[in-house]
Amino acid sequence: MASTLFRNLRLFDGSGDALREGVEILVEGDRVKEVADAPIRSAAARIVECGGRTLMPGLIDAHFHAYAADADLGRLERMPRSLQAVHAARKLEEALARGFTTIRDAGGADWGLATACDTGLIRGPRLLFPGRALSPTGGHGDMRPNVFLDQFCGCCAPSMAISVIADGVDEVRKAVRGELKRGAHAIKIMASGGVASPSDPIWALQYSEEEIATAVWEAKAWRSYVLAHAYTPESIARAVRLGVRSIEHANLIDAPTASLMAEKGAFAVPTLVTYEALADEGPSLGLPPESQRKLADVREAGLGSLEILKRAGVRMGFGTDLLGAMHRRQSDEFVIRRQVLPAAEVLWQATSGNAALVQREGALGVVQPGAIADLILVEGDPLADIGVLTGQGERIPFVMKAGEALIDRLH
């Protein structure tokens, strides 16, 4: 069994709010074997001299779209699936270089892409996925042009890369069961309007209570959960009351709804960087005019939503939701959140907090005995300057996933 011993480091373990000095870490196989305040002796271990760098858990992005190769999701639906897969592989490899060792794809990724990451065919993060997001006709996942309504014939059908249309309890039940059969770790539904879709206003409620309850029941039957795209207080409150575990975005949330989320133990996954990216680059990258018009309201409310969620005690995950070439801005989410939240809290969200969200608490997002050995080395102190995590991994010279060093520029 291969082993690695890390020395001369400062440790952020995923749960504290300060760096620990004088610590050594022993990895055996794919697990952390020992975390000690005294020297560890191991005749067989490879020694990694960290040079005073910060060692911390691999980062987790809980809202990523690997197949989103184009800012215009309608145009994406006309892109061959094979070409989408090549784009996805590149985006996952680039995320790994930024220190992200686990990705929860929030719509589109599938068993094949996850297996390619698991087996090393793609040198990328561990990939958890809900399969295709469920959308009602005219909902946030319905990317058909507004002049189309009938389903396409098989010879000219769009790829449905991100979502699938399911209307009514029976169709929702079948769609949930189908995604779970294909290996989905969770189920995503569209509960309100969105920016990228052509038809629906942001305030539109999507899915009836019966349809949402059906999705929740089916997911729980597989010991899984539902995440819901939702912006407005009404859409969030409906979803949470019906058992949805994870609310994506939540920009327009109010204090009473945040209190309900805290009471029910639901998570929120803000994705503020995508609105900044869309405002800066969306028009030049093909974001349709109707989407540009919907962007302003949710963008302006973003930082305020963090304050509301924090005051209510809602558990927050870390997500980005970027499209196309904008994926390179993934780590900018850290500095955006730092405008409102302490650095330690933002780091928890991207490590142990997201691990709890994806039901991997204690296994991912922490550096402790028994945890999976997902580890990164960072130049500088991210608690003092969270900006050291930004860029394309220039200040992250070492990335280990499950005990294997996938990036090593220490020598």
Foldseek 3Di string as FASTA:
>chain_A
DAKAKEDQEWEDFLPDLDTHPQWMWMDDFQFTADIDSHDDDDPRYHYDYQNHFYKFFQFEAEEAALLQAFLQVLVSLADDPVVSLVSSLVLQLLVVLLRHQEYEYEFQDFDVSQVCCVVVVRVGHRYAYQYAAEFAQLAQLNQDPPVDRDADPPVRHGPSRGHDYADDQVRLLVVNVVSVVRPHQAYEYEQAHALNHDGGARHHGTDDLSNLLSRQVSQVVVVHFYEYEHAALVSLQSNLVSGHAEYEANLHHDQVSLLSQVVSQHEYEHAQQQLVCCVVCVVVRPRDPSSVVRSVVSNVSRQVSVVSNVVSVHQYAYHHNHHHPSSQFRLVSQVVNVVRDQQSSSLSRRAQSVCVSSVNHPQTRGNRGPHGPWMWTFHDDCNVPVCSSHGSNPRTQWTDGSRRTSGHPPD
